[in-house]
Amino acid sequence: MRVYITGYDLKAPKIQSVGATGAIQAIASLISIENNFIPATIKSNPLNYADLPIVTETNYSEVNKVAITSHGYGGNNSCLLLSKL
């Protein structure tokens, strides 16, 4: 199984929606699974992490599982794993 690292963050290219960011990321991840693509990492210099498989351009390949992490103020953190049935 190949694992890709993407830093796609909906807060940066759109708006600062602190309370809804986790839900928006879940919706974006479901779209990614349904349409089989991995969004590119934005605002990152992959040269600093040459040994990691960071996605720098949208990758169209089969996507079966997506892990989402959300980090909130005061240590309110969560992780959600979505997968195809």
N, C-alpha and C. Protein backbone atom coordinates (compact mmCIF):
# COMPACT_ATOMS: atom_id res chain seq x y z
N MET A 1 0.85 -1.18 0.00
CA MET A 1 0.00 0.00 0.00
C MET A 1 0.89 1.24 0.00
N ARG A 2 0.60 2.15 -0.88
CA ARG A 2 1.36 3.40 -0.98
C ARG A 2 0.65 4.47 -0.18
N VAL A 3 1.38 5.16 0.66
CA VAL A 3 0.83 6.25 1.46
C VAL A 3 1.38 7.57 0.94
N TYR A 4 0.49 8.51 0.68
CA TYR A 4 0.89 9.83 0.20
C TYR A 4 0.64 10.86 1.30
N ILE A 5 1.45 11.87 1.32
CA ILE A 5 1.30 12.95 2.29
C ILE A 5 0.85 14.19 1.54
N THR A 6 -0.28 14.73 1.96
CA THR A 6 -0.75 15.97 1.37
C THR A 6 -1.08 16.94 2.50
N GLY A 7 -0.71 18.15 2.30
CA GLY A 7 -0.98 19.18 3.32
C GLY A 7 -2.11 20.07 2.88
N TYR A 8 -3.02 19.51 2.11
CA TYR A 8 -4.12 20.32 1.62
C TYR A 8 -4.95 20.81 2.79
N ASP A 9 -5.00 22.08 2.93
CA ASP A 9 -5.70 22.70 4.05
C ASP A 9 -6.71 23.68 3.50
N LEU A 10 -7.96 23.45 3.80
CA LEU A 10 -9.02 24.30 3.25
C LEU A 10 -9.04 25.69 3.86
N LYS A 11 -8.37 25.87 4.98
CA LYS A 11 -8.36 27.20 5.61
C LYS A 11 -7.55 28.21 4.79
N ALA A 12 -6.45 27.75 4.23
CA ALA A 12 -5.56 28.68 3.54
C ALA A 12 -6.12 29.22 2.23
N PRO A 13 -6.59 28.35 1.29
CA PRO A 13 -7.02 28.91 0.01
C PRO A 13 -8.41 29.54 0.04
N LYS A 14 -9.19 29.28 1.04
CA LYS A 14 -10.56 29.79 1.07
C LYS A 14 -10.72 30.83 2.17
N ILE A 15 -11.32 30.43 3.26
CA ILE A 15 -11.58 31.34 4.36
C ILE A 15 -11.17 30.70 5.67
N GLN A 16 -11.13 31.45 6.71
CA GLN A 16 -10.80 30.92 8.04
C GLN A 16 -12.10 30.52 8.72
N SER A 17 -12.48 29.26 8.54
CA SER A 17 -13.73 28.74 9.11
C SER A 17 -13.40 27.77 10.23
N VAL A 18 -12.93 28.29 11.33
CA VAL A 18 -12.38 27.48 12.41
C VAL A 18 -13.33 26.36 12.85
N GLY A 19 -14.57 26.68 13.12
CA GLY A 19 -15.50 25.69 13.65
C GLY A 19 -15.92 24.63 12.64
N ALA A 20 -15.94 24.96 11.37
CA ALA A 20 -16.44 24.04 10.35
C ALA A 20 -15.34 23.36 9.55
N THR A 21 -14.10 23.62 9.87
CA THR A 21 -13.00 23.10 9.06
C THR A 21 -13.00 21.58 9.00
N GLY A 22 -13.23 20.90 10.12
CA GLY A 22 -13.26 19.43 10.13
C GLY A 22 -14.33 18.87 9.22
N ALA A 23 -15.52 19.47 9.25
CA ALA A 23 -16.62 19.01 8.39
C ALA A 23 -16.30 19.26 6.93
N ILE A 24 -15.71 20.41 6.64
CA ILE A 24 -15.34 20.74 5.25
C ILE A 24 -14.27 19.77 4.76
N GLN A 25 -13.30 19.44 5.61
CA GLN A 25 -12.26 18.50 5.22
C GLN A 25 -12.85 17.11 4.98
N ALA A 26 -13.84 16.71 5.78
CA ALA A 26 -14.49 15.41 5.59
C ALA A 26 -15.21 15.37 4.25
N ILE A 27 -15.91 16.44 3.90
CA ILE A 27 -16.61 16.50 2.61
C ILE A 27 -15.60 16.46 1.46
N ALA A 28 -14.53 17.23 1.56
CA ALA A 28 -13.50 17.23 0.52
C ALA A 28 -12.86 15.85 0.38
N SER A 29 -12.67 15.16 1.50
CA SER A 29 -12.06 13.82 1.46
C SER A 29 -13.01 12.81 0.81
N LEU A 30 -14.31 12.92 1.09
CA LEU A 30 -15.28 12.03 0.45
C LEU A 30 -15.31 12.26 -1.07
N ILE A 31 -15.19 13.51 -1.48
CA ILE A 31 -15.11 13.82 -2.91
C ILE A 31 -13.84 13.22 -3.51
N SER A 32 -12.75 13.29 -2.76
CA SER A 32 -11.48 12.72 -3.21
C SER A 32 -11.58 11.21 -3.39
N ILE A 33 -12.22 10.53 -2.44
CA ILE A 33 -12.40 9.08 -2.53
C ILE A 33 -13.30 8.73 -3.71
N GLU A 34 -14.40 9.46 -3.86
CA GLU A 34 -15.36 9.17 -4.92
C GLU A 34 -14.77 9.39 -6.31
N ASN A 35 -13.96 10.42 -6.47
CA ASN A 35 -13.40 10.77 -7.78
C ASN A 35 -11.96 10.32 -7.98
N ASN A 36 -11.40 9.60 -7.01
CA ASN A 36 -10.05 9.03 -7.11
C ASN A 36 -8.98 10.05 -7.46
N PHE A 37 -8.80 11.02 -6.56
CA PHE A 37 -7.69 11.95 -6.71
C PHE A 37 -7.18 12.37 -5.34
N ILE A 38 -5.92 12.76 -5.30
CA ILE A 38 -5.30 13.27 -4.08
C ILE A 38 -4.92 14.71 -4.37
N PRO A 39 -5.50 15.68 -3.63
CA PRO A 39 -5.20 17.08 -3.91
C PRO A 39 -3.75 17.42 -3.58
N ALA A 40 -3.22 18.38 -4.31
CA ALA A 40 -1.83 18.80 -4.11
C ALA A 40 -1.66 19.56 -2.81
N THR A 41 -0.47 19.46 -2.26
CA THR A 41 -0.10 20.25 -1.09
C THR A 41 0.14 21.69 -1.54
N ILE A 42 -0.36 22.63 -0.78
CA ILE A 42 -0.15 24.03 -1.14
C ILE A 42 0.77 24.68 -0.13
N LYS A 43 1.44 25.73 -0.56
CA LYS A 43 2.32 26.52 0.29
C LYS A 43 3.34 25.67 1.05
N SER A 44 4.00 24.78 0.33
CA SER A 44 5.01 23.93 0.95
C SER A 44 6.20 23.81 0.01
N ASN A 45 7.38 23.71 0.58
CA ASN A 45 8.59 23.52 -0.20
C ASN A 45 9.02 22.07 -0.04
N PRO A 46 8.73 21.20 -1.03
CA PRO A 46 9.07 19.79 -0.88
C PRO A 46 10.56 19.52 -0.81
N LEU A 47 11.39 20.48 -1.17
CA LEU A 47 12.84 20.28 -1.08
C LEU A 47 13.28 20.06 0.36
N ASN A 48 12.54 20.61 1.30
CA ASN A 48 12.89 20.42 2.71
C ASN A 48 12.55 19.02 3.21
N TYR A 49 11.74 18.28 2.45
CA TYR A 49 11.28 16.96 2.86
C TYR A 49 11.45 15.97 1.71
N ALA A 50 12.62 15.92 1.14
CA ALA A 50 12.87 15.11 -0.06
C ALA A 50 12.61 13.63 0.15
N ASP A 51 12.72 13.14 1.37
CA ASP A 51 12.56 11.71 1.61
C ASP A 51 11.10 11.31 1.86
N LEU A 52 10.16 12.26 1.84
CA LEU A 52 8.75 11.97 2.06
C LEU A 52 7.96 12.08 0.76
N PRO A 53 6.93 11.23 0.57
CA PRO A 53 6.14 11.28 -0.67
C PRO A 53 5.07 12.39 -0.62
N ILE A 54 5.51 13.63 -0.64
CA ILE A 54 4.60 14.77 -0.57
C ILE A 54 4.01 15.02 -1.95
N VAL A 55 2.70 15.17 -2.00
CA VAL A 55 1.99 15.40 -3.27
C VAL A 55 2.10 16.87 -3.63
N THR A 56 2.79 17.18 -4.72
CA THR A 56 2.97 18.57 -5.13
C THR A 56 2.06 18.95 -6.30
N GLU A 57 1.49 17.96 -6.98
CA GLU A 57 0.52 18.17 -8.04
C GLU A 57 -0.61 17.18 -7.82
N THR A 58 -1.81 17.54 -8.23
CA THR A 58 -2.95 16.65 -8.05
C THR A 58 -2.62 15.29 -8.64
N ASN A 59 -2.83 14.25 -7.84
CA ASN A 59 -2.50 12.89 -8.21
C ASN A 59 -3.80 12.13 -8.46
N TYR A 60 -4.02 11.69 -9.71
CA TYR A 60 -5.21 10.93 -10.05
C TYR A 60 -4.87 9.45 -9.98
N SER A 61 -5.22 8.84 -8.88
CA SER A 61 -5.01 7.41 -8.69
C SER A 61 -6.09 6.91 -7.74
N GLU A 62 -6.19 5.60 -7.60
CA GLU A 62 -7.23 5.02 -6.77
C GLU A 62 -7.03 5.43 -5.31
N VAL A 63 -8.10 5.91 -4.70
CA VAL A 63 -8.08 6.31 -3.30
C VAL A 63 -9.10 5.46 -2.56
N ASN A 64 -8.64 4.65 -1.61
CA ASN A 64 -9.54 3.79 -0.85
C ASN A 64 -9.76 4.27 0.57
N LYS A 65 -8.77 4.95 1.13
CA LYS A 65 -8.86 5.42 2.51
C LYS A 65 -8.26 6.81 2.63
N VAL A 66 -8.81 7.60 3.53
CA VAL A 66 -8.30 8.93 3.81
C VAL A 66 -8.32 9.14 5.32
N ALA A 67 -7.22 9.63 5.87
CA ALA A 67 -7.15 9.99 7.29
C ALA A 67 -7.15 11.51 7.38
N ILE A 68 -8.00 12.05 8.23
CA ILE A 68 -8.12 13.49 8.42
C ILE A 68 -7.78 13.80 9.88
N THR A 69 -6.94 14.77 10.09
CA THR A 69 -6.68 15.22 11.46
C THR A 69 -7.12 16.67 11.59
N SER A 70 -7.71 16.97 12.72
CA SER A 70 -8.12 18.34 13.02
C SER A 70 -7.55 18.73 14.37
N HIS A 71 -7.01 19.91 14.43
CA HIS A 71 -6.38 20.39 15.65
C HIS A 71 -7.04 21.70 16.05
N GLY A 72 -7.58 21.73 17.25
CA GLY A 72 -8.29 22.91 17.69
C GLY A 72 -7.58 23.63 18.82
N TYR A 73 -8.17 24.72 19.21
CA TYR A 73 -7.62 25.51 20.31
C TYR A 73 -7.72 24.73 21.62
N GLY A 74 -6.72 24.86 22.44
CA GLY A 74 -6.75 24.23 23.76
C GLY A 74 -6.55 22.73 23.74
N GLY A 75 -6.03 22.18 22.65
CA GLY A 75 -5.75 20.75 22.59
C GLY A 75 -6.93 19.90 22.17
N ASN A 76 -7.94 20.47 21.58
CA ASN A 76 -9.08 19.70 21.07
C ASN A 76 -8.71 19.12 19.72
N ASN A 77 -8.22 17.89 19.71
CA ASN A 77 -7.73 17.26 18.49
C ASN A 77 -8.56 16.03 18.18
N SER A 78 -8.66 15.70 16.90
CA SER A 78 -9.39 14.50 16.51
C SER A 78 -8.80 13.95 15.22
N CYS A 79 -9.09 12.68 14.96
CA CYS A 79 -8.65 12.02 13.73
C CYS A 79 -9.84 11.21 13.21
N LEU A 80 -10.05 11.25 11.92
CA LEU A 80 -11.16 10.54 11.30
C LEU A 80 -10.59 9.74 10.13
N LEU A 81 -10.95 8.45 10.04
CA LEU A 81 -10.52 7.60 8.95
C LEU A 81 -11.75 7.27 8.11
N LEU A 82 -11.72 7.65 6.84
CA LEU A 82 -12.81 7.36 5.91
C LEU A 82 -12.32 6.33 4.91
N SER A 83 -13.17 5.38 4.53
CA SER A 83 -12.77 4.38 3.55
C SER A 83 -13.96 3.98 2.70
N LYS A 84 -13.64 3.42 1.52
CA LYS A 84 -14.68 2.88 0.66
C LYS A 84 -15.23 1.61 1.27
N LEU A 85 -16.48 1.35 0.99
CA LEU A 85 -17.08 0.10 1.46
C LEU A 85 -16.89 -0.99 0.44
